[in-house]
Amino acid sequence: MSGTTNITHTRLYNIWKLMKRRCNCITCHEYKGYGGRGIKVCGQWSDFKLFALWSLDNGYQDNLSIDRIDNNRGYEPDNCRWVNSKVQLRNTRKSVFITINGITKTMKDWSIQSGVKYTTLKHRFDTGIREQELLKEVVKNAMFP
């Protein structure tokens, strides 16, 4: 954000403006998933300069996006972070988080780490299987290698 750049033409300003819009503007396409379910922007961040200061002090970079750590809470300093698209895509209301031996990860991450297919893991989870049982190796039938 250079001093010669009009602040309203910066990426950070656009992020701030869109964040407020999806929480406050009932005609916004994304309102239903944000303001419509109670997600708000904290009062402190109604001032762009305060939002920008927080952002720059907390890792803002042009290749990152703002992410709410707890998707059921609003945009506020202790619930937001700047993350890459991989983290952002995994931290959605649709993600299933699984805790095994005290470690919580998305089902997708457990699948990648364990080598158990995501569809197998999901089926096991959906049928009530939990913890280490979710990650058991798939035993192939000797008749059908």
N, C-alpha and C. Protein backbone atom coordinates (compact mmCIF):
# COMPACT_ATOMS: atom_id res chain seq x y z
N MET A 1 0.84 -1.18 0.00
CA MET A 1 0.00 0.00 0.00
C MET A 1 0.88 1.24 0.00
N SER A 2 1.27 1.67 -1.15
CA SER A 2 2.16 2.81 -1.28
C SER A 2 1.39 4.11 -1.01
N GLY A 3 2.12 5.13 -0.55
CA GLY A 3 1.50 6.41 -0.22
C GLY A 3 0.90 7.10 -1.43
N THR A 4 1.35 6.77 -2.62
CA THR A 4 0.85 7.43 -3.83
C THR A 4 -0.36 6.70 -4.41
N THR A 5 -0.66 5.50 -3.92
CA THR A 5 -1.78 4.74 -4.42
C THR A 5 -3.05 5.18 -3.70
N ASN A 6 -4.11 5.40 -4.44
CA ASN A 6 -5.40 5.70 -3.83
C ASN A 6 -5.81 4.46 -3.04
N ILE A 7 -6.04 4.63 -1.76
CA ILE A 7 -6.30 3.50 -0.85
C ILE A 7 -7.50 2.68 -1.30
N THR A 8 -8.49 3.31 -1.94
CA THR A 8 -9.68 2.58 -2.36
C THR A 8 -9.42 1.68 -3.57
N HIS A 9 -8.23 1.78 -4.14
CA HIS A 9 -7.88 0.92 -5.28
C HIS A 9 -6.94 -0.21 -4.87
N THR A 10 -6.77 -0.44 -3.57
CA THR A 10 -5.87 -1.50 -3.12
C THR A 10 -6.63 -2.80 -2.93
N ARG A 11 -5.94 -3.88 -3.00
CA ARG A 11 -6.53 -5.20 -2.77
C ARG A 11 -7.07 -5.30 -1.35
N LEU A 12 -6.32 -4.79 -0.38
CA LEU A 12 -6.75 -4.88 1.02
C LEU A 12 -8.04 -4.10 1.25
N TYR A 13 -8.17 -2.94 0.65
CA TYR A 13 -9.40 -2.16 0.79
C TYR A 13 -10.58 -2.93 0.19
N ASN A 14 -10.37 -3.56 -0.95
CA ASN A 14 -11.43 -4.34 -1.59
C ASN A 14 -11.85 -5.52 -0.72
N ILE A 15 -10.90 -6.19 -0.09
CA ILE A 15 -11.22 -7.30 0.82
C ILE A 15 -12.08 -6.79 1.97
N TRP A 16 -11.69 -5.66 2.54
CA TRP A 16 -12.42 -5.05 3.66
C TRP A 16 -13.85 -4.69 3.23
N LYS A 17 -13.96 -4.06 2.07
CA LYS A 17 -15.27 -3.63 1.56
C LYS A 17 -16.18 -4.84 1.33
N LEU A 18 -15.65 -5.90 0.71
CA LEU A 18 -16.46 -7.10 0.43
C LEU A 18 -16.82 -7.85 1.71
N MET A 19 -15.90 -7.86 2.69
CA MET A 19 -16.17 -8.49 3.98
C MET A 19 -17.38 -7.81 4.63
N LYS A 20 -17.38 -6.49 4.65
CA LYS A 20 -18.48 -5.73 5.25
C LYS A 20 -19.77 -5.94 4.45
N ARG A 21 -19.64 -5.98 3.12
CA ARG A 21 -20.83 -6.13 2.28
C ARG A 21 -21.55 -7.46 2.53
N ARG A 22 -20.80 -8.57 2.57
CA ARG A 22 -21.47 -9.87 2.75
C ARG A 22 -22.07 -10.01 4.14
N CYS A 23 -21.63 -9.20 5.09
CA CYS A 23 -22.19 -9.25 6.44
C CYS A 23 -23.33 -8.26 6.65
N ASN A 24 -23.36 -7.18 5.88
CA ASN A 24 -24.31 -6.09 6.16
C ASN A 24 -25.34 -5.82 5.09
N CYS A 25 -25.10 -6.23 3.87
CA CYS A 25 -25.97 -5.86 2.75
C CYS A 25 -26.90 -7.02 2.39
N ILE A 26 -28.16 -6.87 2.74
CA ILE A 26 -29.14 -7.94 2.54
C ILE A 26 -29.31 -8.33 1.06
N THR A 27 -28.98 -7.42 0.14
CA THR A 27 -29.11 -7.73 -1.29
C THR A 27 -27.86 -8.40 -1.86
N CYS A 28 -26.82 -8.51 -1.05
CA CYS A 28 -25.58 -9.16 -1.50
C CYS A 28 -25.83 -10.66 -1.68
N HIS A 29 -25.32 -11.21 -2.77
CA HIS A 29 -25.49 -12.64 -3.08
C HIS A 29 -25.01 -13.53 -1.93
N GLU A 30 -23.94 -13.13 -1.22
CA GLU A 30 -23.37 -13.97 -0.17
C GLU A 30 -23.95 -13.68 1.23
N TYR A 31 -24.86 -12.74 1.33
CA TYR A 31 -25.40 -12.33 2.64
C TYR A 31 -25.97 -13.52 3.42
N LYS A 32 -26.70 -14.39 2.76
CA LYS A 32 -27.36 -15.51 3.44
C LYS A 32 -26.36 -16.34 4.26
N GLY A 33 -25.17 -16.57 3.73
CA GLY A 33 -24.18 -17.38 4.42
C GLY A 33 -23.34 -16.61 5.43
N TYR A 34 -23.53 -15.31 5.50
CA TYR A 34 -22.74 -14.48 6.42
C TYR A 34 -23.68 -13.69 7.33
N GLY A 35 -24.04 -12.47 6.94
CA GLY A 35 -24.92 -11.65 7.77
C GLY A 35 -26.23 -12.33 8.09
N GLY A 36 -26.74 -13.09 7.13
CA GLY A 36 -28.01 -13.80 7.32
C GLY A 36 -27.96 -14.87 8.39
N ARG A 37 -26.77 -15.31 8.77
CA ARG A 37 -26.67 -16.29 9.87
C ARG A 37 -25.92 -15.70 11.06
N GLY A 38 -25.88 -14.37 11.10
CA GLY A 38 -25.35 -13.69 12.28
C GLY A 38 -23.88 -13.33 12.27
N ILE A 39 -23.20 -13.55 11.15
CA ILE A 39 -21.78 -13.20 11.07
C ILE A 39 -21.67 -11.69 10.91
N LYS A 40 -20.88 -11.07 11.78
CA LYS A 40 -20.72 -9.62 11.76
C LYS A 40 -19.24 -9.24 11.69
N VAL A 41 -18.99 -8.01 11.28
CA VAL A 41 -17.65 -7.43 11.33
C VAL A 41 -17.59 -6.65 12.63
N CYS A 42 -16.56 -6.86 13.43
CA CYS A 42 -16.46 -6.17 14.72
C CYS A 42 -16.43 -4.66 14.53
N GLY A 43 -16.88 -3.93 15.53
CA GLY A 43 -16.95 -2.48 15.47
C GLY A 43 -15.62 -1.82 15.17
N GLN A 44 -14.55 -2.37 15.73
CA GLN A 44 -13.20 -1.84 15.51
C GLN A 44 -12.87 -1.80 14.02
N TRP A 45 -13.30 -2.81 13.29
CA TRP A 45 -12.97 -2.91 11.87
C TRP A 45 -13.92 -2.12 10.97
N SER A 46 -14.83 -1.36 11.55
CA SER A 46 -15.64 -0.48 10.69
C SER A 46 -14.76 0.64 10.14
N ASP A 47 -13.62 0.85 10.76
CA ASP A 47 -12.63 1.83 10.32
C ASP A 47 -11.56 1.08 9.52
N PHE A 48 -11.47 1.38 8.21
CA PHE A 48 -10.52 0.67 7.36
C PHE A 48 -9.10 0.77 7.88
N LYS A 49 -8.70 1.92 8.39
CA LYS A 49 -7.32 2.09 8.84
C LYS A 49 -6.98 1.12 9.97
N LEU A 50 -7.92 0.88 10.87
CA LEU A 50 -7.68 -0.09 11.96
C LEU A 50 -7.60 -1.52 11.41
N PHE A 51 -8.46 -1.83 10.44
CA PHE A 51 -8.41 -3.14 9.80
C PHE A 51 -7.08 -3.33 9.08
N ALA A 52 -6.65 -2.29 8.37
CA ALA A 52 -5.38 -2.36 7.62
C ALA A 52 -4.20 -2.54 8.57
N LEU A 53 -4.19 -1.81 9.68
CA LEU A 53 -3.10 -1.96 10.67
C LEU A 53 -3.06 -3.38 11.21
N TRP A 54 -4.24 -3.91 11.59
CA TRP A 54 -4.29 -5.29 12.09
C TRP A 54 -3.77 -6.25 11.01
N SER A 55 -4.22 -6.06 9.79
CA SER A 55 -3.84 -6.94 8.69
C SER A 55 -2.33 -6.96 8.47
N LEU A 56 -1.74 -5.79 8.41
CA LEU A 56 -0.30 -5.69 8.16
C LEU A 56 0.51 -6.24 9.33
N ASP A 57 -0.02 -6.12 10.54
CA ASP A 57 0.65 -6.68 11.73
C ASP A 57 0.45 -8.19 11.87
N ASN A 58 -0.49 -8.74 11.10
CA ASN A 58 -0.84 -10.16 11.25
C ASN A 58 -0.67 -10.97 9.98
N GLY A 59 0.31 -10.59 9.17
CA GLY A 59 0.71 -11.44 8.06
C GLY A 59 0.06 -11.20 6.72
N TYR A 60 -0.68 -10.11 6.54
CA TYR A 60 -1.29 -9.86 5.23
C TYR A 60 -0.22 -9.86 4.14
N GLN A 61 -0.53 -10.58 3.06
CA GLN A 61 0.26 -10.57 1.83
C GLN A 61 -0.72 -10.67 0.68
N ASP A 62 -0.31 -10.21 -0.48
CA ASP A 62 -1.21 -10.19 -1.63
C ASP A 62 -1.66 -11.57 -2.09
N ASN A 63 -0.97 -12.62 -1.69
CA ASN A 63 -1.36 -13.97 -2.11
C ASN A 63 -2.21 -14.69 -1.06
N LEU A 64 -2.60 -13.99 0.00
CA LEU A 64 -3.38 -14.61 1.07
C LEU A 64 -4.79 -14.02 1.13
N SER A 65 -5.68 -14.73 1.79
CA SER A 65 -7.04 -14.22 1.97
C SER A 65 -7.40 -14.30 3.46
N ILE A 66 -8.39 -13.50 3.84
CA ILE A 66 -8.79 -13.49 5.24
C ILE A 66 -9.64 -14.72 5.52
N ASP A 67 -9.41 -15.32 6.67
CA ASP A 67 -10.08 -16.57 7.04
C ASP A 67 -10.55 -16.46 8.48
N ARG A 68 -11.80 -16.84 8.72
CA ARG A 68 -12.31 -16.91 10.08
C ARG A 68 -11.98 -18.29 10.63
N ILE A 69 -11.27 -18.34 11.72
CA ILE A 69 -10.85 -19.60 12.31
C ILE A 69 -12.07 -20.43 12.70
N ASP A 70 -13.01 -19.81 13.39
CA ASP A 70 -14.28 -20.44 13.75
C ASP A 70 -15.33 -19.85 12.83
N ASN A 71 -15.85 -20.65 11.92
CA ASN A 71 -16.79 -20.16 10.92
C ASN A 71 -18.14 -19.75 11.47
N ASN A 72 -18.39 -20.00 12.74
CA ASN A 72 -19.64 -19.58 13.35
C ASN A 72 -19.48 -18.26 14.11
N ARG A 73 -18.29 -17.71 14.12
CA ARG A 73 -18.04 -16.41 14.74
C ARG A 73 -17.74 -15.38 13.65
N GLY A 74 -17.77 -14.13 14.04
CA GLY A 74 -17.60 -13.05 13.09
C GLY A 74 -16.16 -12.70 12.76
N TYR A 75 -16.04 -11.62 12.00
CA TYR A 75 -14.74 -11.08 11.63
C TYR A 75 -14.26 -10.19 12.77
N GLU A 76 -13.28 -10.65 13.49
CA GLU A 76 -12.71 -9.92 14.62
C GLU A 76 -11.27 -10.38 14.78
N PRO A 77 -10.42 -9.54 15.39
CA PRO A 77 -8.98 -9.86 15.44
C PRO A 77 -8.63 -11.23 15.98
N ASP A 78 -9.33 -11.70 17.02
CA ASP A 78 -8.95 -13.00 17.60
C ASP A 78 -9.57 -14.19 16.88
N ASN A 79 -10.34 -13.95 15.82
CA ASN A 79 -10.94 -15.05 15.07
C ASN A 79 -10.53 -15.04 13.60
N CYS A 80 -9.61 -14.16 13.22
CA CYS A 80 -9.23 -14.07 11.81
C CYS A 80 -7.73 -14.26 11.64
N ARG A 81 -7.36 -14.68 10.45
CA ARG A 81 -5.96 -14.87 10.08
C ARG A 81 -5.86 -14.73 8.57
N TRP A 82 -4.66 -14.55 8.09
CA TRP A 82 -4.40 -14.50 6.64
C TRP A 82 -3.81 -15.83 6.22
N VAL A 83 -4.47 -16.52 5.27
CA VAL A 83 -4.05 -17.87 4.88
C VAL A 83 -4.02 -18.03 3.36
N ASN A 84 -3.35 -19.10 2.93
CA ASN A 84 -3.33 -19.40 1.49
C ASN A 84 -4.62 -20.12 1.09
N SER A 85 -4.80 -20.32 -0.18
CA SER A 85 -6.05 -20.89 -0.68
C SER A 85 -6.27 -22.33 -0.20
N LYS A 86 -5.21 -23.10 0.00
CA LYS A 86 -5.35 -24.48 0.48
C LYS A 86 -5.98 -24.50 1.86
N VAL A 87 -5.50 -23.67 2.76
CA VAL A 87 -6.06 -23.60 4.12
C VAL A 87 -7.48 -23.07 4.05
N GLN A 88 -7.70 -22.04 3.26
CA GLN A 88 -9.03 -21.43 3.14
C GLN A 88 -10.06 -22.45 2.66
N LEU A 89 -9.72 -23.23 1.66
CA LEU A 89 -10.66 -24.20 1.12
C LEU A 89 -10.99 -25.32 2.10
N ARG A 90 -10.07 -25.63 2.99
CA ARG A 90 -10.31 -26.69 3.97
C ARG A 90 -11.09 -26.20 5.18
N ASN A 91 -11.08 -24.87 5.41
CA ASN A 91 -11.75 -24.33 6.59
C ASN A 91 -13.11 -23.76 6.20
N THR A 92 -14.03 -24.66 5.86
CA THR A 92 -15.39 -24.25 5.51
C THR A 92 -16.37 -24.99 6.41
N ARG A 93 -17.61 -24.54 6.39
CA ARG A 93 -18.63 -25.23 7.19
C ARG A 93 -18.85 -26.65 6.70
N LYS A 94 -18.50 -26.93 5.46
CA LYS A 94 -18.70 -28.27 4.90
C LYS A 94 -17.60 -29.25 5.31
N SER A 95 -16.47 -28.73 5.76
CA SER A 95 -15.37 -29.60 6.17
C SER A 95 -15.74 -30.40 7.41
N VAL A 96 -15.33 -31.65 7.41
CA VAL A 96 -15.55 -32.51 8.58
C VAL A 96 -14.22 -32.61 9.31
N PHE A 97 -14.23 -32.22 10.58
CA PHE A 97 -13.03 -32.28 11.39
C PHE A 97 -13.09 -33.53 12.26
N ILE A 98 -11.98 -34.27 12.27
CA ILE A 98 -11.89 -35.52 13.02
C ILE A 98 -10.72 -35.43 13.97
N THR A 99 -10.95 -35.88 15.21
CA THR A 99 -9.88 -35.91 16.20
C THR A 99 -9.49 -37.36 16.45
N ILE A 100 -8.21 -37.63 16.30
CA ILE A 100 -7.66 -38.96 16.54
C ILE A 100 -6.43 -38.78 17.43
N ASN A 101 -6.43 -39.46 18.55
CA ASN A 101 -5.34 -39.33 19.52
C ASN A 101 -5.06 -37.87 19.89
N GLY A 102 -6.12 -37.09 20.02
CA GLY A 102 -5.98 -35.70 20.43
C GLY A 102 -5.56 -34.74 19.33
N ILE A 103 -5.40 -35.23 18.09
CA ILE A 103 -5.00 -34.38 16.97
C ILE A 103 -6.21 -34.19 16.05
N THR A 104 -6.57 -32.93 15.79
CA THR A 104 -7.73 -32.63 14.95
C THR A 104 -7.27 -32.15 13.58
N LYS A 105 -7.82 -32.79 12.56
CA LYS A 105 -7.54 -32.43 11.16
C LYS A 105 -8.83 -32.62 10.37
N THR A 106 -8.83 -32.09 9.16
CA THR A 106 -9.97 -32.34 8.29
C THR A 106 -9.92 -33.80 7.82
N MET A 107 -11.08 -34.29 7.43
CA MET A 107 -11.14 -35.65 6.91
C MET A 107 -10.22 -35.79 5.70
N LYS A 108 -10.17 -34.75 4.87
CA LYS A 108 -9.31 -34.76 3.68
C LYS A 108 -7.84 -34.91 4.10
N ASP A 109 -7.42 -34.17 5.12
CA ASP A 109 -6.03 -34.26 5.57
C ASP A 109 -5.71 -35.63 6.16
N TRP A 110 -6.64 -36.19 6.93
CA TRP A 110 -6.42 -37.55 7.47
C TRP A 110 -6.30 -38.55 6.33
N SER A 111 -7.12 -38.38 5.29
CA SER A 111 -7.07 -39.28 4.14
C SER A 111 -5.71 -39.22 3.46
N ILE A 112 -5.22 -38.01 3.23
CA ILE A 112 -3.92 -37.83 2.58
C ILE A 112 -2.81 -38.44 3.44
N GLN A 113 -2.84 -38.15 4.74
CA GLN A 113 -1.78 -38.62 5.62
C GLN A 113 -1.78 -40.14 5.77
N SER A 114 -2.97 -40.72 5.87
CA SER A 114 -3.06 -42.16 6.15
C SER A 114 -3.01 -43.04 4.92
N GLY A 115 -3.38 -42.46 3.77
CA GLY A 115 -3.46 -43.27 2.55
C GLY A 115 -4.81 -43.96 2.40
N VAL A 116 -5.71 -43.78 3.35
CA VAL A 116 -7.06 -44.35 3.24
C VAL A 116 -7.86 -43.42 2.32
N LYS A 117 -8.51 -44.00 1.33
CA LYS A 117 -9.28 -43.18 0.38
C LYS A 117 -10.29 -42.33 1.13
N TYR A 118 -10.50 -41.11 0.64
CA TYR A 118 -11.45 -40.19 1.26
C TYR A 118 -12.84 -40.82 1.34
N THR A 119 -13.27 -41.49 0.26
CA THR A 119 -14.61 -42.08 0.25
C THR A 119 -14.74 -43.18 1.29
N THR A 120 -13.67 -43.94 1.51
CA THR A 120 -13.67 -44.98 2.54
C THR A 120 -13.77 -44.34 3.92
N LEU A 121 -12.97 -43.32 4.14
CA LEU A 121 -12.97 -42.62 5.41
C LEU A 121 -14.35 -42.02 5.69
N LYS A 122 -14.95 -41.39 4.69
CA LYS A 122 -16.27 -40.77 4.86
C LYS A 122 -17.31 -41.83 5.18
N HIS A 123 -17.27 -42.95 4.47
CA HIS A 123 -18.24 -44.02 4.74
C HIS A 123 -18.08 -44.53 6.18
N ARG A 124 -16.86 -44.75 6.59
CA ARG A 124 -16.62 -45.22 7.96
C ARG A 124 -17.14 -44.20 8.98
N PHE A 125 -16.84 -42.94 8.75
CA PHE A 125 -17.28 -41.88 9.67
C PHE A 125 -18.80 -41.81 9.73
N ASP A 126 -19.42 -41.86 8.56
CA ASP A 126 -20.88 -41.76 8.48
C ASP A 126 -21.58 -42.94 9.14
N THR A 127 -20.90 -44.09 9.27
CA THR A 127 -21.50 -45.26 9.92
C THR A 127 -21.13 -45.34 11.40
N GLY A 128 -20.50 -44.27 11.93
CA GLY A 128 -20.25 -44.20 13.37
C GLY A 128 -18.87 -44.63 13.83
N ILE A 129 -18.00 -45.00 12.90
CA ILE A 129 -16.65 -45.42 13.29
C ILE A 129 -15.84 -44.18 13.66
N ARG A 130 -15.05 -44.27 14.73
CA ARG A 130 -14.27 -43.12 15.21
C ARG A 130 -12.85 -43.52 15.57
N GLU A 131 -12.05 -42.50 15.84
CA GLU A 131 -10.65 -42.61 16.27
C GLU A 131 -9.84 -43.51 15.34
N GLN A 132 -8.96 -44.32 15.89
CA GLN A 132 -8.02 -45.14 15.11
C GLN A 132 -8.71 -46.08 14.12
N GLU A 133 -9.93 -46.51 14.46
CA GLU A 133 -10.67 -47.44 13.58
C GLU A 133 -10.89 -46.82 12.20
N LEU A 134 -10.98 -45.51 12.14
CA LEU A 134 -11.18 -44.83 10.86
C LEU A 134 -10.02 -45.07 9.90
N LEU A 135 -8.83 -45.21 10.46
CA LEU A 135 -7.62 -45.27 9.63
C LEU A 135 -7.10 -46.67 9.38
N LYS A 136 -7.85 -47.69 9.80
CA LYS A 136 -7.40 -49.05 9.57
C LYS A 136 -7.16 -49.30 8.09
N GLU A 137 -6.10 -50.04 7.83
CA GLU A 137 -5.76 -50.37 6.46
C GLU A 137 -6.89 -51.19 5.83
N VAL A 138 -7.15 -50.92 4.56
CA VAL A 138 -8.16 -51.67 3.83
C VAL A 138 -7.57 -53.03 3.46
N VAL A 139 -8.23 -54.09 3.87
CA VAL A 139 -7.76 -55.44 3.59
C VAL A 139 -8.43 -55.91 2.30
N LYS A 140 -7.59 -56.29 1.33
CA LYS A 140 -8.13 -56.73 0.05
C LYS A 140 -8.52 -58.21 0.15
N ASN A 141 -9.59 -58.54 -0.50
CA ASN A 141 -10.08 -59.90 -0.55
C ASN A 141 -9.11 -60.71 -1.43
N ALA A 142 -8.68 -61.84 -0.94
CA ALA A 142 -7.71 -62.68 -1.65
C ALA A 142 -8.26 -63.14 -3.00
N MET A 143 -9.59 -63.25 -3.11
CA MET A 143 -10.19 -63.69 -4.38
C MET A 143 -10.23 -62.57 -5.40
N PHE A 144 -10.15 -61.32 -4.93
CA PHE A 144 -10.22 -60.17 -5.82
C PHE A 144 -9.06 -59.22 -5.53
N PRO A 145 -7.86 -59.57 -6.03
CA PRO A 145 -6.67 -58.76 -5.72
C PRO A 145 -6.74 -57.37 -6.33
